[in-house]
Amino acid sequence: MEYNTARGHLIIPEYGRNIQKMVDYAITIEDREKRTKTAKSIIVSMGQMNPSIKDTIDFNHVLWDHLYIISDFKLDVDGPFPQPSREELNHKPARLKYSNKNFTLRHYGKHIVNIIKKAMEYEEGDEKQALILAIANQMKKSYLRWNRESVNDQTIGKHLNELSGGKLILSEDVQLVAISEVIQRTKNKKRKSHHKSYQKGSKDNSGKRRKNNYGSKHN
């Protein structure tokens, strides 16, 4: 098990640990062409994580700057833009050019936001508290699908509070669905999906064989 204390520092936390690991790996690639190709793949992943800034004119330039920053300026590749120096970026925070709040909360999706708006209309009582708990559990599942890093219930409660403008409060003594349970359910769904695909493929193949047998001519 990899504990947080043993993990490396995230230079730009918004991109998560997986991107950091990909960049760290890219630095170790000796072949320049392969290293550049890997860097471009990482840029694609970074862009998919940041749809809210795709409309900016310098979108790609921003991503490449962030890539170099995440690599601690150790990544030497043939990118479309010159690598900035540490001095050039010293006066700029190593952050995305948009609200960290928007980046952090966007993965919950419009569906959750709409449910939160409905919950805000409820009168105080057991029904509203039950709905808040259901929303918080769904938010935790969504968070873990977006980022497999561990998340505590306090963080989910804070995000719920922010999304509702402080009108929905998750009780501190409430325990949300366990992380291990969410991950296990996701794995089970993938297995079922794979099993169904396999069964469908087997039936198709069997059907083709039967068709060939019946259609063959006997001498």
Protein backbone atom coordinates (compact mmCIF):
# COMPACT_ATOMS: atom_id res chain seq x y z
CA MET A 1 0.00 0.00 0.00
CA GLU A 2 1.26 3.46 -0.94
CA TYR A 3 0.79 5.93 1.92
CA ASN A 4 0.42 9.68 1.38
CA THR A 5 3.59 10.34 3.35
CA ALA A 6 5.55 8.20 0.90
CA ARG A 7 4.15 9.89 -2.19
CA GLY A 8 5.92 12.63 -4.05
CA HIS A 9 4.86 16.27 -3.93
CA LEU A 10 2.23 17.30 -6.49
CA ILE A 11 3.60 20.38 -8.24
CA ILE A 12 0.20 21.34 -9.70
CA PRO A 13 -2.33 19.47 -7.53
CA GLU A 14 -5.26 20.23 -9.87
CA TYR A 15 -3.98 17.68 -12.39
CA GLY A 16 -3.79 14.88 -9.84
CA ARG A 17 -1.23 12.22 -9.06
CA ASN A 18 -1.71 10.18 -12.24
CA ILE A 19 -0.59 13.06 -14.48
CA GLN A 20 2.36 13.69 -12.16
CA LYS A 21 3.39 10.04 -12.48
CA MET A 22 3.06 10.13 -16.27
CA VAL A 23 5.29 13.21 -16.44
CA ASP A 24 7.83 11.67 -14.08
CA TYR A 25 7.93 8.61 -16.33
CA ALA A 26 8.31 10.70 -19.49
CA ILE A 27 11.42 12.34 -18.03
CA THR A 28 13.09 8.92 -17.75
CA ILE A 29 12.57 7.99 -21.43
CA GLU A 30 15.95 8.14 -23.15
CA ASP A 31 14.76 8.23 -26.77
CA ARG A 32 13.89 11.85 -27.60
CA GLU A 33 11.30 11.00 -30.24
CA LYS A 34 9.51 8.57 -27.94
CA ARG A 35 9.77 11.07 -25.08
CA THR A 36 8.17 13.79 -27.22
CA LYS A 37 5.41 11.42 -28.33
CA THR A 38 4.68 10.55 -24.69
CA ALA A 39 4.60 14.24 -23.77
CA LYS A 40 2.01 14.92 -26.48
CA SER A 41 -0.15 12.08 -25.14
CA ILE A 42 0.05 13.60 -21.67
CA ILE A 43 -1.02 16.98 -23.09
CA VAL A 44 -4.14 15.31 -24.54
CA SER A 45 -4.99 13.86 -21.11
CA MET A 46 -4.40 17.23 -19.45
CA GLY A 47 -6.67 18.92 -21.99
CA GLN A 48 -9.47 16.42 -21.35
CA MET A 49 -9.28 17.28 -17.67
CA ASN A 50 -9.68 20.99 -18.44
CA PRO A 51 -12.61 21.50 -20.86
CA SER A 52 -13.46 24.83 -19.25
CA ILE A 53 -10.37 26.55 -20.69
CA LYS A 54 -10.47 25.03 -24.18
CA ASP A 55 -12.00 28.21 -25.57
CA THR A 56 -9.04 30.33 -24.51
CA ILE A 57 -6.76 31.47 -27.31
CA ASP A 58 -3.58 30.18 -25.67
CA PHE A 59 -5.10 26.90 -24.44
CA ASN A 60 -2.36 24.63 -25.84
CA HIS A 61 0.36 27.03 -24.76
CA VAL A 62 -1.00 26.98 -21.21
CA LEU A 63 -1.04 23.19 -21.17
CA TRP A 64 2.56 22.95 -22.39
CA ASP A 65 3.67 25.49 -19.79
CA HIS A 66 1.96 23.42 -17.11
CA LEU A 67 3.61 20.26 -18.43
CA TYR A 68 7.06 21.80 -18.08
CA ILE A 69 6.20 23.09 -14.62
CA ILE A 70 4.97 19.66 -13.50
CA SER A 71 8.26 18.18 -14.74
CA ASP A 72 10.13 20.75 -12.64
CA PHE A 73 11.59 21.96 -15.97
CA LYS A 74 13.38 18.62 -16.44
CA LEU A 75 11.40 17.46 -19.48
CA ASP A 76 13.35 18.05 -22.69
CA VAL A 77 11.09 17.51 -25.72
CA ASP A 78 10.32 19.00 -29.12
CA GLY A 79 7.15 20.79 -28.18
CA PRO A 80 5.24 23.38 -30.25
CA PHE A 81 6.27 26.15 -27.84
CA PRO A 82 9.64 27.02 -26.31
CA GLN A 83 10.15 25.75 -22.81
CA PRO A 84 9.72 28.62 -20.33
CA SER A 85 12.43 29.23 -17.80
CA ARG A 86 11.85 28.97 -14.09
CA GLU A 87 12.62 32.69 -13.80
CA GLU A 88 9.95 33.62 -16.36
CA LEU A 89 7.28 31.86 -14.37
CA ASN A 90 8.47 32.82 -10.92
CA HIS A 91 6.11 35.76 -10.78
CA LYS A 92 3.19 33.57 -11.81
CA PRO A 93 1.53 31.03 -9.52
CA ALA A 94 1.84 27.46 -10.77
CA ARG A 95 -1.92 27.18 -11.05
CA LEU A 96 -4.52 26.91 -13.75
CA LYS A 97 -5.85 30.16 -15.17
CA TYR A 98 -9.32 29.62 -13.83
CA SER A 99 -11.03 29.13 -10.51
CA ASN A 100 -9.73 26.17 -8.56
CA LYS A 101 -13.24 25.80 -7.19
CA ASN A 102 -14.67 25.34 -10.69
CA PHE A 103 -12.00 22.79 -11.55
CA THR A 104 -12.50 20.84 -8.34
CA LEU A 105 -16.29 20.72 -8.48
CA ARG A 106 -17.03 20.41 -12.20
CA HIS A 107 -16.67 16.60 -12.16
CA TYR A 108 -19.85 16.27 -10.10
CA GLY A 109 -21.85 17.16 -13.20
CA LYS A 110 -25.04 19.12 -13.89
CA HIS A 111 -27.24 16.28 -12.64
CA ILE A 112 -25.90 16.62 -9.10
CA VAL A 113 -26.19 20.41 -9.28
CA ASN A 114 -29.85 20.14 -10.32
CA ILE A 115 -30.62 17.73 -7.46
CA ILE A 116 -28.90 20.09 -5.01
CA LYS A 117 -31.12 22.94 -6.24
CA LYS A 118 -34.19 20.78 -5.62
CA ALA A 119 -32.97 19.80 -2.15
CA MET A 120 -32.54 23.45 -1.25
CA GLU A 121 -36.31 23.91 -1.74
CA TYR A 122 -37.19 21.23 0.84
CA GLU A 123 -38.41 22.15 4.30
CA GLU A 124 -36.07 21.22 7.14
CA GLY A 125 -36.72 17.70 8.39
CA ASP A 126 -35.88 14.01 8.03
CA GLU A 127 -36.77 13.92 4.33
CA LYS A 128 -34.35 16.74 3.54
CA GLN A 129 -31.59 15.15 5.63
CA ALA A 130 -32.08 11.83 3.83
CA LEU A 131 -31.81 13.61 0.48
CA ILE A 132 -28.64 15.43 1.60
CA LEU A 133 -27.11 12.08 2.58
CA ALA A 134 -28.05 10.54 -0.78
CA ILE A 135 -26.56 13.51 -2.64
CA ALA A 136 -23.35 13.36 -0.60
CA ASN A 137 -22.94 9.63 -1.28
CA GLN A 138 -23.43 10.20 -5.01
CA MET A 139 -20.90 13.05 -4.93
CA LYS A 140 -18.37 10.77 -3.26
CA LYS A 141 -18.89 8.13 -5.96
CA SER A 142 -18.51 10.75 -8.68
CA TYR A 143 -15.36 12.11 -7.07
CA LEU A 144 -13.76 8.65 -6.92
CA ARG A 145 -14.66 7.92 -10.54
CA TRP A 146 -12.95 11.16 -11.58
CA ASN A 147 -9.97 10.76 -9.28
CA ARG A 148 -9.06 7.48 -7.58
CA GLU A 149 -7.17 9.32 -4.86
CA SER A 150 -8.65 8.92 -1.38
CA VAL A 151 -11.22 11.50 -0.31
CA ASN A 152 -12.64 12.03 3.17
CA ASP A 153 -16.25 12.76 4.05
CA GLN A 154 -15.34 16.24 5.31
CA THR A 155 -14.17 17.21 1.80
CA ILE A 156 -17.43 16.00 0.27
CA GLY A 157 -19.37 17.94 2.89
CA LYS A 158 -17.36 21.06 2.08
CA HIS A 159 -18.04 20.68 -1.66
CA LEU A 160 -21.75 20.15 -0.99
CA ASN A 161 -21.77 23.31 1.09
CA GLU A 162 -20.05 25.27 -1.70
CA LEU A 163 -22.33 23.97 -4.45
CA SER A 164 -25.42 24.84 -2.42
CA GLY A 165 -24.18 28.27 -1.43
CA GLY A 166 -24.01 27.21 2.20
CA LYS A 167 -27.65 26.06 2.33
CA LEU A 168 -27.04 22.30 2.54
CA ILE A 169 -24.96 21.09 5.46
CA LEU A 170 -23.80 17.49 5.87
CA SER A 171 -23.82 16.47 9.52
CA GLU A 172 -20.33 15.77 10.86
CA ASP A 173 -21.41 12.50 12.49
CA VAL A 174 -22.73 11.06 9.21
CA GLN A 175 -20.61 8.33 7.60
CA LEU A 176 -20.76 8.14 3.82
CA VAL A 177 -20.29 5.07 1.64
CA ALA A 178 -16.85 3.49 2.10
CA ILE A 179 -14.22 4.10 -0.59
CA SER A 180 -13.49 0.37 -0.84
CA GLU A 181 -17.17 -0.31 -1.54
CA VAL A 182 -17.29 2.26 -4.35
CA ILE A 183 -14.15 0.85 -5.98
CA GLN A 184 -15.42 -2.73 -5.65
CA ARG A 185 -18.76 -1.84 -7.24
CA THR A 186 -16.94 -0.20 -10.15
CA LYS A 187 -14.82 -3.32 -10.64
CA ASN A 188 -17.90 -5.56 -10.51
CA LYS A 189 -19.65 -3.45 -13.15
CA LYS A 190 -16.63 -3.70 -15.43
CA ARG A 191 -16.51 -7.47 -14.96
CA LYS A 192 -20.21 -7.83 -15.77
CA SER A 193 -19.81 -5.65 -18.85
CA HIS A 194 -16.82 -7.69 -20.00
CA HIS A 195 -18.68 -10.96 -19.32
CA LYS A 196 -21.70 -9.83 -21.36
CA SER A 197 -19.44 -8.79 -24.24
CA TYR A 198 -17.70 -12.16 -24.09
CA GLN A 199 -21.01 -14.04 -24.07
CA LYS A 200 -22.26 -12.02 -27.03
CA GLY A 201 -19.08 -12.72 -28.93
CA SER A 202 -19.32 -16.43 -28.13
CA LYS A 203 -22.92 -16.60 -29.36
CA ASP A 204 -22.02 -14.79 -32.56
CA ASN A 205 -19.13 -17.14 -33.19
CA SER A 206 -21.29 -20.19 -32.41
CA GLY A 207 -23.97 -18.94 -34.75
CA LYS A 208 -21.47 -18.55 -37.56
CA ARG A 209 -20.19 -22.07 -37.05
CA ARG A 210 -23.68 -23.54 -37.11
CA LYS A 211 -24.46 -21.60 -40.26
CA ASN A 212 -21.35 -22.94 -41.94
CA ASN A 213 -22.18 -26.52 -40.93
CA TYR A 214 -25.73 -26.39 -42.21
CA GLY A 215 -24.70 -24.61 -45.36
CA SER A 216 -21.95 -27.04 -46.29
CA LYS A 217 -22.46 -29.53 -49.07
CA HIS A 218 -21.93 -33.21 -48.36
CA ASN A 219 -20.38 -35.38 -51.04
